[in-house]
Protein backbone atom coordinates (compact mmCIF):
# COMPACT_ATOMS: atom_id res chain seq x y z
CA MET A 1 290.05 -19.92 -9.41
CA SER A 2 287.79 -17.65 -7.57
CA MET A 3 286.83 -17.81 -3.58
CA MET A 4 283.38 -19.67 -4.72
CA GLY A 5 284.76 -21.88 -7.16
CA GLU A 6 287.31 -22.91 -4.53
CA PHE A 7 284.17 -23.42 -1.86
CA LYS A 8 281.69 -25.02 -4.57
CA GLU A 9 284.82 -27.96 -5.19
CA PHE A 10 285.61 -27.87 -1.12
CA ALA A 11 281.77 -28.12 -0.10
CA VAL A 12 280.62 -30.97 -2.88
CA LYS A 13 283.90 -33.49 -1.93
CA GLY A 14 282.60 -36.63 -0.67
CA ASN A 15 284.24 -36.95 2.83
CA VAL A 16 282.69 -33.36 4.07
CA VAL A 17 279.03 -34.60 3.02
CA ASP A 18 280.61 -37.64 4.49
CA MET A 19 281.16 -35.80 7.92
CA ALA A 20 278.18 -33.46 7.95
CA VAL A 21 276.05 -36.82 8.06
CA GLY A 22 277.86 -38.39 10.13
CA ILE A 23 277.45 -35.16 12.59
CA ILE A 24 274.10 -35.28 12.15
CA ILE A 25 273.57 -38.72 12.98
CA GLY A 26 275.69 -38.20 15.96
CA ALA A 27 273.29 -35.36 17.53
CA ALA A 28 270.38 -37.35 17.31
CA PHE A 29 272.08 -40.85 18.50
CA GLY A 30 273.37 -38.30 21.22
CA LYS A 31 269.85 -37.28 22.32
CA ILE A 32 268.52 -41.09 22.10
CA VAL A 33 271.04 -41.71 24.50
CA SER A 34 270.41 -38.81 26.56
CA SER A 35 266.64 -40.14 26.68
CA LEU A 36 267.52 -43.76 27.50
CA VAL A 37 269.66 -42.58 30.47
CA GLY A 38 267.77 -40.11 32.05
CA ASP A 39 264.04 -41.69 30.88
CA VAL A 40 264.92 -45.60 31.34
CA ILE A 41 267.94 -46.35 33.19
CA MET A 42 268.25 -43.52 35.75
CA PRO A 43 264.52 -43.63 37.10
CA PRO A 44 265.45 -47.50 38.39
CA ILE A 45 269.23 -46.56 39.73
CA GLY A 46 266.92 -44.12 41.64
CA VAL A 47 264.35 -46.27 43.22
CA LEU A 48 267.35 -48.90 44.11
CA LEU A 49 268.98 -46.07 45.69
CA GLY A 50 265.87 -45.03 48.00
CA GLY A 51 264.15 -42.93 45.65
CA VAL A 52 266.94 -40.95 44.81
CA ASP A 53 265.94 -38.47 41.32
CA PHE A 54 269.47 -37.50 39.78
CA ALA A 55 268.01 -34.75 38.06
CA ASN A 56 267.57 -33.03 41.46
CA LEU A 57 270.58 -33.54 42.95
CA ALA A 58 272.39 -30.33 43.66
CA PHE A 59 274.68 -28.81 46.23
CA ILE A 60 272.81 -25.20 47.24
CA VAL A 61 275.64 -22.55 47.46
CA GLN A 62 274.13 -19.42 48.01
CA GLU A 63 270.21 -19.14 48.18
CA ALA A 64 268.39 -16.87 45.95
CA LYS A 65 268.29 -13.36 47.05
CA GLY A 66 266.03 -11.01 45.71
CA GLU A 67 265.66 -11.50 41.61
CA ALA A 68 269.12 -12.81 41.68
CA PRO A 69 269.04 -16.93 41.50
CA ALA A 70 270.47 -19.35 43.62
CA VAL A 71 273.82 -20.68 43.09
CA VAL A 72 273.99 -24.63 42.56
CA ILE A 73 276.03 -27.22 41.47
CA SER A 74 274.18 -29.75 39.62
CA TYR A 75 275.83 -33.04 40.20
CA GLY A 76 273.17 -35.41 39.49
CA LYS A 77 272.98 -33.72 35.75
CA PHE A 78 276.98 -34.37 36.02
CA ILE A 79 276.27 -38.17 36.75
CA GLN A 80 273.85 -38.41 34.11
CA SER A 81 276.24 -36.70 31.81
CA ILE A 82 279.04 -38.98 32.67
CA ILE A 83 276.59 -42.38 32.12
CA ASP A 84 275.57 -40.68 29.19
CA PHE A 85 279.21 -40.75 27.78
CA THR A 86 279.61 -43.98 29.18
CA ILE A 87 277.21 -45.50 26.93
CA ILE A 88 277.74 -43.59 23.64
CA ALA A 89 281.65 -44.73 24.23
CA PHE A 90 280.84 -48.41 24.57
CA ALA A 91 278.72 -47.98 21.38
CA ILE A 92 280.75 -45.92 19.31
CA PHE A 93 283.39 -48.69 20.40
CA LEU A 94 281.32 -51.68 19.15
CA ALA A 95 280.25 -50.18 15.80
CA ILE A 96 284.36 -49.40 15.78
CA LYS A 97 284.83 -53.06 16.35
CA GLY A 98 282.61 -54.01 13.84
CA VAL A 99 283.61 -52.04 11.14
CA ASN A 100 287.48 -53.33 12.37
CA SER A 101 286.35 -57.17 11.92
CA LEU A 102 284.97 -56.41 8.73
CA LYS A 103 288.04 -54.85 7.23
CA LYS A 104 289.88 -57.89 8.65
CA LYS A 105 287.66 -60.53 7.39
CA ALA A 106 288.17 -58.85 3.53
CA GLU A 107 292.14 -58.41 4.64
CA GLU A 108 292.39 -62.53 5.38
CA LYS A 109 290.84 -63.23 1.76
CA PRO A 110 293.60 -64.87 -0.37
CA ALA A 111 295.38 -62.67 -2.91
CA GLU A 112 295.13 -64.56 -6.27
CA LEU A 113 298.14 -65.46 -7.43
CA PRO A 114 300.13 -63.41 -10.09
CA LYS A 115 299.60 -64.39 -13.83
CA ILE A 116 302.58 -66.18 -15.26
CA SER A 117 303.41 -64.37 -18.32
CA ASN A 118 303.73 -66.60 -21.76
CA GLU A 119 307.67 -65.86 -21.78
CA GLU A 120 307.69 -67.51 -18.34
CA VAL A 121 305.67 -70.64 -19.64
CA LEU A 122 307.64 -71.16 -22.60
CA LEU A 123 310.80 -70.88 -20.53
CA THR A 124 309.42 -74.17 -17.93
CA GLU A 125 308.76 -75.94 -20.91
CA ILE A 126 312.09 -75.58 -22.41
CA ARG A 127 313.72 -76.17 -18.74
CA ASP A 128 311.60 -79.23 -18.23
CA LEU A 129 312.26 -80.51 -21.34
CA LEU A 130 316.51 -80.44 -21.00
CA LYS A 131 316.29 -81.70 -17.63
CA GLU A 132 314.43 -84.91 -19.33
CA ARG A 133 317.63 -85.29 -21.95
CA THR A 134 320.23 -85.18 -19.19
């Protein structure tokens, strides 16, 4: 099989397409959570902490000199990233928990009893008739 044929077989498999859709949705979800944290959650937290804007929290290691920019450690953005991660991890946890509970419900359904063959039915009838004679 040619390399192009192998690639085509790989690319059209359902798992690859599902993974691509998951990555795209995950990226969009990440943007939503970042906006939620940066625009909705962090401003009230900043107000509660005395008007602190987390996006601007930073240590200046070295001031800007000439055309060289300042060397800055932006720990406020890092705090926002930690909150983003926590919210995303919790949302994924809830989604997986939901999927697992659905799987568990599907597994709890009682399995159908195996169908008894004609031979077993006849043997059972013969056994019962023999018991009646004795």
